[in-house]
Structures are given as C-alpha cells and as structure tokens.
Amino acid sequence: MIITYAIMAIIALILLIGYIVLVRKKESWLLLLYICVTVVNTGYFLLSVSKTVEFAIFANDFIYLGSVFLSMSMLLTIVRLCGFEVKKKLIIALLIIGALMFAVIATSGFLPWYYKEIELVFIDGAAKLKKVYGVLHPLYLVYLLAYFVTMVVCIVQSIRKKMIASQKHASLLAAIVFGNIAVWLIEKFIPWDFEFLSVSYLFSEIILLGLYWMMQDYVRSDLIPRPTQGAAHYASIDIATIPMEEKISKILSFLKPGELLVAREREVLELILQNKKRKEIADELCLSENTIKTYTRTLYGKVGVSSREELYALLIK
C-alpha cells in the first residue's frame, strides 16, 4: 500500500510540473487545484510511512491542508468554467473560512475538539490513524457539503442561463462533483484500508484541465450571435445604453477570418467596454499593467483597430 501511495504522489507531482511547464496561459485556480492535489497525495504517502503518532498527526494535517483549499480551488475552477465572475471579496472570504477550518483541524493531538482519541495502527505495513471524532468534527462535513452544493448550484445555473458551451461539458462537470461526493461518502460510512480520494482527485484534475482547454481557452467568432439585419441603428443610440452582450457580439462580428479570442482577451474586451482604464483592468484581473497592455494590443489586432476610440466606433458602424 505504501508503494501505491508513493505512485499517486509521484503522478500528482508530475501533473503539477507538467501543467507549470507546458501550459503557457495558466488559470490560477486550476494551478492551485494541482498544488492541493499534490499536497494531499504527498500527505497520504507521509502518513503511510509514519512510525510515530506525532509524525502521523503531522501528515494528517498536511492532508487536510491540501483538502481544505482543494475544495475552494475546485469550486472556483468550476465557477470560471461555467462563465461566472469571481469577485475579490468572495475569494478573501473563502480564504479566511478555509484558514479557520484548518486551524480547527490543526488542534488534533493538542485538544480533543476535532479528534477525541488518536491511535496509530498498521495495515499491510502501511500506517493509518484510528480516530474517535470530537465535537467539532461535523464542521468539516458541513464545510465540504457547502462546497459540493455550491458547485452543483453553479453548474445548474450555468445550464439554465445557457452559459456552458454544451450539455456534454456540463455533464462532465457534474460527474466530477458527484464522483467526488460519492467517493467521500463511501469512505465516511464504509471502512476502507485505502484512501480512494487520492485517486479520485487525480482524475478530477485531469478532467478539469481538459474542460478548461475546451471551454475557456478560446471563444470562436462563429459561436457568437451576430446582430440581425433588423437591429437598431447604433449611430442613434448612446453606447452606454447598449447591453454588454450586444456590445461584445458586435465587436466579435469584426474578428478577422480564422481569428480567435482567448478567454483573457474576452475579459479585457468586456472591461474596456465598461470604460475601465488599464490599471483598473489589471487590478480586477489580478494581472500586471504590461500584461493587460499585451492582451489589449493582440485584441485590437484581431478586430482590426488600433485604439479604444476605433473599438468604440465599431459599435456604431
């Protein structure tokens, strides 16, 4: 069993390194997901080779550190894939809640709040903690269930609002969430010697990476609805009164043949159409001003303009 955990940890590390090296345009929450899965699987391996209760508790805390923020990173990755915006206040709130949750878990071995009793046992040569849960242990169950429910609601809402590219993609997202719920529930109510969540997390990050490439990396101009012949003449309308989706549709209709917008360019376009300055856009997307400048330049090139004024002019063409 120790060898199996070692293999899982190595695979997780290879996937993390591969993502960092091979993917140029990284999604921050997907990167955090890869890091968390690596931390969790490394923790399982460290726990399996533990010789003392103290080291086993340390390894268990290491697993929980990854698990607590893995739930957050998976939710935010799914939110991005579903086409919703992630506000800074929400991120800060989730980080604080995650830190508090881990602080409760980290009392293990010192206070009887999360675990009343802890005993180190060995199964087929691999160490495992035998635990009696304390009064605060249900908090973690509520924490995970809240994340799972939010993921499901996010997927359902994106389908209802037709924000997901296809039903197949939505089904895969749902499969990831329900698959992890199923594995987690099985491990909670049916005793297993092996932690199958270590494998479930690996499959989840592989599927999420594939979905990220398919759904978020490119926005094809031929998938964007074009203004109809009977649309109102933009010259007689104040640009500020035009709905955002209509503005984006109009701009994307000027994409050069064969050109695509990457997800970040689409985000920059929307913020430019909100009349936000480069610094404001950089702050909102958590990127440098130079990076925003690069995205803006490539965006302008793809639609055949050289300035904001020319971009706005497309709206009244």
Protein backbone atom coordinates (compact mmCIF):
# COMPACT_ATOMS: atom_id res chain seq x y z
CA MET A 1 0.00 0.00 0.00
CA ILE A 2 2.94 2.33 0.68
CA ILE A 3 4.08 1.86 -2.92
CA THR A 4 0.60 2.75 -4.20
CA TYR A 5 0.54 5.99 -2.20
CA ALA A 6 4.05 6.79 -3.44
CA ILE A 7 2.93 6.27 -7.06
CA MET A 8 -0.12 8.53 -6.52
CA ALA A 9 2.12 11.26 -5.04
CA ILE A 10 4.57 11.00 -7.94
CA ILE A 11 1.78 11.16 -10.54
CA ALA A 12 0.33 14.23 -8.82
CA LEU A 13 3.75 15.91 -8.81
CA ILE A 14 4.33 15.06 -12.49
CA LEU A 15 0.93 16.52 -13.42
CA LEU A 16 1.71 19.70 -11.45
CA ILE A 17 5.15 20.11 -13.08
CA GLY A 18 3.66 19.31 -16.50
CA TYR A 19 0.97 21.96 -16.06
CA ILE A 20 3.52 24.60 -14.96
CA VAL A 21 5.95 23.80 -17.79
CA LEU A 22 3.60 23.04 -20.69
CA VAL A 23 0.65 25.40 -20.19
CA ARG A 24 1.60 28.99 -21.01
CA LYS A 25 -1.71 30.68 -20.20
CA LYS A 26 -2.37 29.35 -16.70
CA GLU A 27 -5.65 29.57 -14.85
CA SER A 28 -4.76 30.49 -11.25
CA TRP A 29 -7.46 28.35 -9.62
CA LEU A 30 -6.62 25.32 -11.73
CA LEU A 31 -2.96 25.75 -10.74
CA LEU A 32 -3.98 25.90 -7.07
CA LEU A 33 -6.02 22.74 -7.61
CA TYR A 34 -2.93 20.95 -8.94
CA ILE A 35 -0.89 22.13 -5.96
CA CYS A 36 -3.56 21.00 -3.48
CA VAL A 37 -3.87 17.54 -5.07
CA THR A 38 -0.08 17.17 -4.86
CA VAL A 39 -0.14 18.21 -1.18
CA VAL A 40 -2.96 15.75 -0.39
CA ASN A 41 -1.29 12.80 -2.11
CA THR A 42 2.08 13.61 -0.54
CA GLY A 43 0.32 13.69 2.84
CA TYR A 44 -1.21 10.26 2.26
CA PHE A 45 2.25 8.89 1.45
CA LEU A 46 3.83 10.50 4.53
CA LEU A 47 1.05 9.09 6.70
CA SER A 48 1.57 5.60 5.29
CA VAL A 49 5.29 5.61 6.26
CA SER A 50 4.75 7.14 9.71
CA LYS A 51 6.42 5.42 12.65
CA THR A 52 5.11 7.64 15.46
CA VAL A 53 1.74 9.13 16.32
CA GLU A 54 3.24 12.63 16.26
CA PHE A 55 4.51 12.28 12.68
CA ALA A 56 1.23 10.65 11.62
CA ILE A 57 -0.71 13.64 13.01
CA PHE A 58 1.61 15.99 11.10
CA ALA A 59 0.98 14.02 7.88
CA ASN A 60 -2.77 14.04 8.58
CA ASP A 61 -2.69 17.83 9.00
CA PHE A 62 -0.76 18.02 5.70
CA ILE A 63 -3.57 16.07 4.01
CA TYR A 64 -6.21 18.37 5.47
CA LEU A 65 -4.25 21.48 4.43
CA GLY A 66 -4.49 20.33 0.82
CA SER A 67 -8.09 19.14 1.16
CA VAL A 68 -9.42 22.35 2.72
CA PHE A 69 -8.13 24.55 -0.10
CA LEU A 70 -8.68 21.89 -2.77
CA SER A 71 -12.43 22.28 -2.26
CA MET A 72 -12.06 26.03 -2.71
CA SER A 73 -9.89 25.74 -5.83
CA MET A 74 -12.23 23.17 -7.39
CA LEU A 75 -15.24 25.42 -6.78
CA LEU A 76 -13.55 28.50 -8.26
CA THR A 77 -12.30 26.50 -11.26
CA ILE A 78 -15.84 25.27 -11.91
CA VAL A 79 -17.20 28.82 -11.45
CA ARG A 80 -14.77 30.08 -14.12
CA LEU A 81 -15.60 27.20 -16.47
CA CYS A 82 -19.31 27.94 -16.04
CA GLY A 83 -18.72 31.53 -17.16
CA PHE A 84 -19.34 33.32 -13.85
CA GLU A 85 -17.10 36.08 -12.49
CA VAL A 86 -15.13 35.60 -9.26
CA LYS A 87 -15.16 38.66 -7.01
CA LYS A 88 -12.16 39.53 -4.82
CA LYS A 89 -14.36 39.79 -1.72
CA LEU A 90 -15.58 36.23 -2.29
CA ILE A 91 -12.02 34.95 -2.65
CA ILE A 92 -10.92 36.68 0.56
CA ALA A 93 -13.95 35.30 2.44
CA LEU A 94 -13.28 31.75 1.22
CA LEU A 95 -9.59 32.01 2.18
CA ILE A 96 -10.50 33.18 5.69
CA ILE A 97 -13.07 30.41 6.13
CA GLY A 98 -10.56 27.83 4.84
CA ALA A 99 -7.86 29.10 7.22
CA LEU A 100 -10.26 28.93 10.17
CA MET A 101 -11.33 25.42 9.20
CA PHE A 102 -7.72 24.26 9.02
CA ALA A 103 -6.99 25.93 12.39
CA VAL A 104 -9.72 23.78 13.95
CA ILE A 105 -8.32 20.62 12.35
CA ALA A 106 -4.76 21.51 13.44
CA THR A 107 -5.81 21.19 17.10
CA SER A 108 -5.53 17.42 16.62
CA GLY A 109 -3.10 15.94 19.12
CA PHE A 110 -3.35 19.01 21.39
CA LEU A 111 -7.04 19.40 22.13
CA PRO A 112 -9.91 16.88 21.99
CA TRP A 113 -12.03 19.15 19.77
CA TYR A 114 -11.57 17.59 16.35
CA TYR A 115 -10.41 14.13 17.46
CA LYS A 116 -11.09 12.78 20.95
CA GLU A 117 -8.63 9.93 20.59
CA ILE A 118 -5.94 9.04 18.05
CA GLU A 119 -4.17 5.70 17.69
CA LEU A 120 -1.56 4.62 15.14
CA VAL A 121 -2.26 1.24 13.54
CA PHE A 122 -0.53 -0.64 10.73
CA ILE A 123 -2.30 -2.39 7.84
CA ASP A 124 -0.18 -4.37 5.37
CA GLY A 125 2.86 -2.43 6.53
CA ALA A 126 1.25 0.98 5.99
CA ALA A 127 0.47 3.28 8.91
CA LYS A 128 -3.07 4.54 9.44
CA LEU A 129 -4.69 6.69 12.10
CA LYS A 130 -7.55 5.19 14.05
CA LYS A 131 -9.61 8.16 15.25
CA VAL A 132 -12.52 8.91 17.56
CA TYR A 133 -14.17 12.10 16.33
CA GLY A 134 -14.63 15.10 18.59
CA VAL A 135 -17.41 17.66 18.88
CA LEU A 136 -16.03 19.95 16.14
CA HIS A 137 -15.53 17.24 13.50
CA PRO A 138 -19.02 17.81 11.96
CA LEU A 139 -17.84 21.33 10.99
CA TYR A 140 -15.62 19.83 8.30
CA LEU A 141 -18.51 17.76 6.95
CA VAL A 142 -20.63 20.92 6.72
CA TYR A 143 -17.69 22.74 5.10
CA LEU A 144 -17.34 20.11 2.35
CA LEU A 145 -21.07 19.73 1.78
CA ALA A 146 -21.41 23.52 1.41
CA TYR A 147 -18.77 23.48 -1.33
CA PHE A 148 -20.33 20.49 -3.10
CA VAL A 149 -23.81 22.05 -3.03
CA THR A 150 -22.43 25.36 -4.33
CA MET A 151 -20.69 23.55 -7.21
CA VAL A 152 -23.92 21.80 -8.16
CA VAL A 153 -25.91 25.05 -7.98
CA CYS A 154 -23.29 26.79 -10.12
CA ILE A 155 -23.48 24.08 -12.81
CA VAL A 156 -27.30 24.07 -12.79
CA GLN A 157 -27.45 27.87 -13.05
CA SER A 158 -24.96 27.95 -15.92
CA ILE A 159 -27.02 25.36 -17.81
CA ARG A 160 -30.24 27.26 -17.14
CA LYS A 161 -28.68 30.51 -18.40
CA LYS A 162 -27.02 28.67 -21.30
CA MET A 163 -23.55 29.77 -20.20
CA ILE A 164 -21.91 26.35 -20.72
CA ALA A 165 -20.78 25.54 -24.26
CA SER A 166 -22.54 22.17 -24.43
CA GLN A 167 -24.53 19.66 -22.41
CA LYS A 168 -21.62 17.21 -22.65
CA HIS A 169 -19.34 19.68 -20.87
CA ALA A 170 -21.98 20.27 -18.22
CA SER A 171 -22.35 16.53 -17.73
CA LEU A 172 -18.60 16.13 -17.24
CA LEU A 173 -18.56 18.90 -14.65
CA ALA A 174 -21.46 17.28 -12.82
CA ALA A 175 -19.70 13.90 -12.99
CA ILE A 176 -16.62 15.38 -11.32
CA VAL A 177 -18.64 16.82 -8.46
CA PHE A 178 -20.89 13.81 -7.89
CA GLY A 179 -17.97 11.41 -8.32
CA ASN A 180 -16.03 13.08 -5.52
CA ILE A 181 -19.14 13.25 -3.33
CA ALA A 182 -19.74 9.53 -3.86
CA VAL A 183 -16.15 8.56 -3.02
CA TRP A 184 -16.14 10.83 0.03
CA LEU A 185 -19.46 9.41 1.35
CA ILE A 186 -18.36 5.82 0.75
CA GLU A 187 -15.16 6.39 2.71
CA LYS A 188 -17.12 8.03 5.54
CA PHE A 189 -19.65 5.26 6.01
CA ILE A 190 -17.81 2.17 4.74
CA PRO A 191 -14.37 1.47 6.26
CA TRP A 192 -11.64 1.02 3.64
CA ASP A 193 -7.95 0.42 4.20
CA PHE A 194 -7.03 2.53 1.15
CA GLU A 195 -7.86 6.23 0.68
CA PHE A 196 -9.59 6.25 -2.71
CA LEU A 197 -9.93 10.04 -2.66
CA SER A 198 -6.25 10.21 -3.63
CA VAL A 199 -7.15 8.58 -6.96
CA SER A 200 -10.43 10.49 -7.33
CA TYR A 201 -8.61 13.83 -7.03
CA LEU A 202 -6.14 12.86 -9.78
CA PHE A 203 -8.93 12.01 -12.19
CA SER A 204 -10.74 15.23 -11.29
CA GLU A 205 -7.79 17.48 -12.10
CA ILE A 206 -7.19 15.71 -15.43
CA ILE A 207 -10.84 16.13 -16.47
CA LEU A 208 -10.94 19.76 -15.30
CA LEU A 209 -7.81 20.54 -17.29
CA GLY A 210 -9.40 19.07 -20.41
CA LEU A 211 -12.58 21.06 -19.84
CA TYR A 212 -10.59 24.25 -19.26
CA TRP A 213 -8.91 23.84 -22.62
CA MET A 214 -12.19 23.10 -24.38
CA MET A 215 -14.43 25.69 -22.73
CA GLN A 216 -12.33 28.59 -21.55
CA ASP A 217 -9.30 28.80 -23.74
CA TYR A 218 -10.97 30.02 -26.90
CA VAL A 219 -14.06 31.96 -27.89
CA ARG A 220 -14.83 31.31 -31.55
CA SER A 221 -16.36 34.13 -33.53
CA ASP A 222 -18.74 31.73 -35.26
CA LEU A 223 -20.27 30.76 -31.88
CA ILE A 224 -21.21 34.36 -31.08
CA PRO A 225 -24.65 35.55 -32.24
CA ARG A 226 -24.44 38.27 -34.89
CA PRO A 227 -26.62 41.37 -34.87
CA THR A 228 -29.62 40.83 -37.13
CA GLN A 229 -30.39 42.90 -40.22
CA GLY A 230 -33.27 44.50 -38.37
CA ALA A 231 -31.16 45.63 -35.42
CA ALA A 232 -31.45 49.26 -34.38
CA HIS A 233 -29.00 51.68 -35.92
CA TYR A 234 -26.22 52.20 -33.39
CA ALA A 235 -25.45 55.72 -34.55
CA SER A 236 -28.64 56.99 -32.95
CA ILE A 237 -28.08 55.17 -29.65
CA ASP A 238 -25.88 56.16 -26.71
CA ILE A 239 -23.19 53.45 -26.46
CA ALA A 240 -23.63 53.27 -22.67
CA THR A 241 -27.24 52.12 -23.15
CA ILE A 242 -26.30 49.11 -25.29
CA PRO A 243 -26.44 45.82 -23.31
CA MET A 244 -22.99 44.32 -22.70
CA GLU A 245 -23.70 41.06 -24.54
CA GLU A 246 -24.86 43.05 -27.55
CA LYS A 247 -21.67 45.13 -27.46
CA ILE A 248 -19.50 42.01 -27.33
CA SER A 249 -21.47 40.37 -30.15
CA LYS A 250 -21.00 43.46 -32.29
CA ILE A 251 -17.23 43.64 -31.64
CA LEU A 252 -16.72 39.91 -32.21
CA SER A 253 -18.51 40.17 -35.54
CA PHE A 254 -15.48 42.18 -36.73
CA LEU A 255 -12.97 39.42 -35.91
CA LYS A 256 -10.73 38.69 -38.86
CA PRO A 257 -11.37 35.32 -40.60
CA GLY A 258 -9.81 32.47 -38.64
CA GLU A 259 -9.05 34.64 -35.60
CA LEU A 260 -9.99 33.56 -32.06
CA LEU A 261 -10.18 35.36 -28.74
CA VAL A 262 -8.57 33.68 -25.76
CA ALA A 263 -10.52 33.88 -22.51
CA ARG A 264 -8.38 36.67 -21.07
CA GLU A 265 -8.83 38.77 -24.21
CA ARG A 266 -12.61 38.32 -23.87
CA GLU A 267 -12.39 39.51 -20.25
CA VAL A 268 -10.24 42.51 -21.21
CA LEU A 269 -12.68 43.36 -24.01
CA GLU A 270 -15.62 43.39 -21.61
CA LEU A 271 -13.80 45.63 -19.14
CA ILE A 272 -12.73 48.02 -21.92
CA LEU A 273 -16.36 48.21 -22.99
CA GLN A 274 -17.15 49.16 -19.38
CA ASN A 275 -14.79 52.12 -19.98
CA LYS A 276 -12.30 50.92 -17.37
CA LYS A 277 -8.71 52.12 -17.50
CA ARG A 278 -5.72 49.80 -17.91
CA LYS A 279 -4.82 49.97 -14.20
CA GLU A 280 -8.40 49.19 -13.16
CA ILE A 281 -8.47 46.20 -15.53
CA ALA A 282 -5.12 44.96 -14.18
CA ASP A 283 -6.37 45.24 -10.58
CA GLU A 284 -9.64 43.44 -11.34
CA LEU A 285 -7.95 40.55 -13.17
CA CYS A 286 -5.00 40.40 -10.75
CA LEU A 287 -2.52 40.91 -13.61
CA SER A 288 0.22 43.45 -14.34
CA GLU A 289 -0.46 46.52 -16.49
CA ASN A 290 2.12 45.27 -19.03
CA THR A 291 0.19 42.00 -19.36
CA ILE A 292 -3.06 43.93 -19.91
CA LYS A 293 -1.27 46.06 -22.49
CA THR A 294 -0.22 42.89 -24.35
CA TYR A 295 -3.75 41.44 -24.29
CA THR A 296 -5.17 44.78 -25.46
CA ARG A 297 -2.72 45.00 -28.36
CA THR A 298 -3.47 41.48 -29.60
CA LEU A 299 -7.21 42.08 -29.13
CA TYR A 300 -7.08 45.26 -31.22
CA GLY A 301 -5.11 43.45 -33.92
CA LYS A 302 -7.68 40.67 -34.16
CA VAL A 303 -10.60 43.04 -34.69
CA GLY A 304 -8.64 45.45 -36.90
CA VAL A 305 -8.43 48.56 -34.70
CA SER A 306 -5.57 50.44 -33.06
CA SER A 307 -7.23 52.32 -30.20
CA ARG A 308 -10.20 52.41 -27.85
CA GLU A 309 -11.80 55.13 -29.95
CA GLU A 310 -11.71 52.89 -33.05
CA LEU A 311 -13.02 49.97 -30.98
CA TYR A 312 -15.96 52.05 -29.74
CA ALA A 313 -16.56 53.22 -33.30
CA LEU A 314 -17.28 49.61 -34.31
CA LEU A 315 -20.34 49.72 -32.08
CA ILE A 316 -21.98 52.38 -34.23
CA LYS A 317 -20.88 51.04 -37.61
